[in-house]
């Protein structure tokens, strides 16, 4: 992976074998894509939506306090994992994460 606009994009060898260039790398659960957080935001939102679907399937009665507690304990950690490293600064990335939060809010029956 080559990072930076002034990078000369050298080829690197290990034991005489040229290393393959990659565009996205996953390290410690964070997707690094030329210092843009878009891939990681999409993956975090996907995991959050998956957990919200599991909550909706397995809980028949969702009171406000129950949904808030489940959201904070099960969904929010997926959305906030390593946020210091991949701080979403594009509006589209923030919107993807906020959609998960809006979906959780719609699950509360007293707010409908």
Protein backbone atom coordinates (compact mmCIF):
# COMPACT_ATOMS: atom_id res chain seq x y z
CA UNK A 1 0.00 0.00 0.00
CA UNK A 2 1.34 3.40 -0.92
CA UNK A 3 0.26 6.28 1.29
CA UNK A 4 0.74 9.95 0.45
CA UNK A 5 0.44 12.07 -2.66
CA UNK A 6 4.19 12.47 -3.14
CA UNK A 7 4.96 8.76 -2.67
CA UNK A 8 7.22 7.44 -5.43
CA UNK A 9 5.56 4.00 -5.31
CA UNK A 10 8.65 1.84 -5.12
CA UNK A 11 8.39 -1.92 -5.50
CA UNK A 12 9.49 -3.92 -2.48
CA UNK A 13 11.06 -7.40 -2.39
CA UNK A 14 11.17 -9.98 0.39
CA UNK A 15 13.63 -12.86 -0.12
CA UNK A 16 13.75 -12.11 -3.83
CA UNK A 17 9.95 -12.16 -4.24
CA UNK A 18 8.22 -8.93 -5.19
CA UNK A 19 5.52 -7.95 -2.69
CA UNK A 20 2.04 -7.48 -4.07
CA UNK A 21 0.53 -3.99 -3.87
CA UNK A 22 -2.82 -3.78 -2.05
CA UNK A 23 -5.33 -0.95 -1.91
CA UNK A 24 -7.07 -1.91 1.36
CA UNK A 25 -5.54 -3.52 4.43
CA UNK A 26 -7.26 -4.68 7.61
CA UNK A 27 -5.26 -4.35 10.82
CA UNK A 28 -6.73 -4.77 14.32
CA UNK A 29 -10.23 -4.61 12.85
CA UNK A 30 -9.67 -1.28 11.12
CA UNK A 31 -9.76 -1.07 7.33
CA UNK A 32 -7.01 1.22 6.06
CA UNK A 33 -7.70 2.55 2.58
CA UNK A 34 -5.18 5.26 1.65
CA UNK A 35 -6.07 7.12 4.86
CA UNK A 36 -9.75 7.39 3.95
CA UNK A 37 -12.21 5.92 6.48
CA UNK A 38 -14.98 5.07 3.97
CA UNK A 39 -14.39 1.31 3.91
CA UNK A 40 -14.21 1.10 7.70
CA UNK A 41 -17.39 3.18 8.12
CA UNK A 42 -19.29 0.86 5.78
CA UNK A 43 -18.04 -2.24 7.62
CA UNK A 44 -18.86 -0.75 11.04
CA UNK A 45 -22.36 0.17 9.88
CA UNK A 46 -22.83 -3.32 8.43
CA UNK A 47 -21.89 -4.91 11.77
CA UNK A 48 -24.14 -2.48 13.67
CA UNK A 49 -27.10 -3.21 11.40
CA UNK A 50 -26.48 -6.93 11.79
CA UNK A 51 -26.63 -6.64 15.59
CA UNK A 52 -29.78 -4.47 15.40
CA UNK A 53 -31.42 -7.14 13.25
CA UNK A 54 -30.50 -9.78 15.81
CA UNK A 55 -32.05 -7.63 18.57
CA UNK A 56 -35.23 -7.13 16.55
CA UNK A 57 -35.56 -10.87 15.80
CA UNK A 58 -34.91 -12.08 19.35
CA UNK A 59 -36.76 -9.54 21.50
CA UNK A 60 -40.53 -9.43 21.09
CA UNK A 61 -41.20 -6.50 23.43
CA UNK A 62 -38.89 -3.51 23.10
CA UNK A 63 -39.36 -0.84 25.75
CA UNK A 64 -37.30 2.32 25.54
CA UNK A 65 -34.95 1.47 28.40
CA UNK A 66 -34.34 -2.03 27.02
CA UNK A 67 -33.50 -0.77 23.52
CA UNK A 68 -31.20 1.92 24.91
CA UNK A 69 -29.35 -0.59 27.08
CA UNK A 70 -29.03 -3.12 24.22
CA UNK A 71 -27.88 -0.40 21.82
CA UNK A 72 -25.22 0.88 24.21
CA UNK A 73 -23.91 -2.59 25.02
CA UNK A 74 -24.16 -4.38 21.67
CA UNK A 75 -24.29 -1.88 18.79
CA UNK A 76 -22.36 1.19 19.88
CA UNK A 77 -19.04 -0.63 20.43
CA UNK A 78 -19.08 -1.67 16.74
CA UNK A 79 -19.68 1.92 15.62
CA UNK A 80 -17.08 3.45 17.93
CA UNK A 81 -14.28 0.87 17.76
CA UNK A 82 -10.95 2.68 17.21
CA UNK A 83 -12.71 5.91 16.25
CA UNK A 84 -9.52 7.82 17.09
CA UNK A 85 -7.70 6.05 14.28
CA UNK A 86 -10.30 6.34 11.50
CA UNK A 87 -12.15 9.55 12.47
CA UNK A 88 -14.87 9.89 9.77
CA UNK A 89 -14.56 13.36 8.27
CA UNK A 90 -16.62 12.97 5.09
CA UNK A 91 -20.33 13.74 5.37
CA UNK A 92 -21.23 10.49 3.58
CA UNK A 93 -19.30 8.45 6.16
CA UNK A 94 -21.02 10.19 9.06
CA UNK A 95 -24.38 9.66 7.37
CA UNK A 96 -23.78 5.90 7.08
CA UNK A 97 -23.10 5.64 10.82
CA UNK A 98 -26.02 7.89 11.72
CA UNK A 99 -28.40 5.66 9.73
CA UNK A 100 -27.65 2.85 12.16
CA UNK A 101 -28.48 5.15 15.07
CA UNK A 102 -31.75 6.23 13.42
CA UNK A 103 -32.70 2.61 12.87
CA UNK A 104 -32.17 1.92 16.57
CA UNK A 105 -34.31 4.93 17.45
CA UNK A 106 -37.15 3.67 15.22
CA UNK A 107 -37.15 0.37 17.11
CA UNK A 108 -38.50 2.12 20.22
CA UNK A 109 -42.27 1.77 20.03
CA UNK A 110 -43.05 4.72 22.36
CA UNK A 111 -41.36 7.12 19.92
CA UNK A 112 -43.51 6.08 16.95
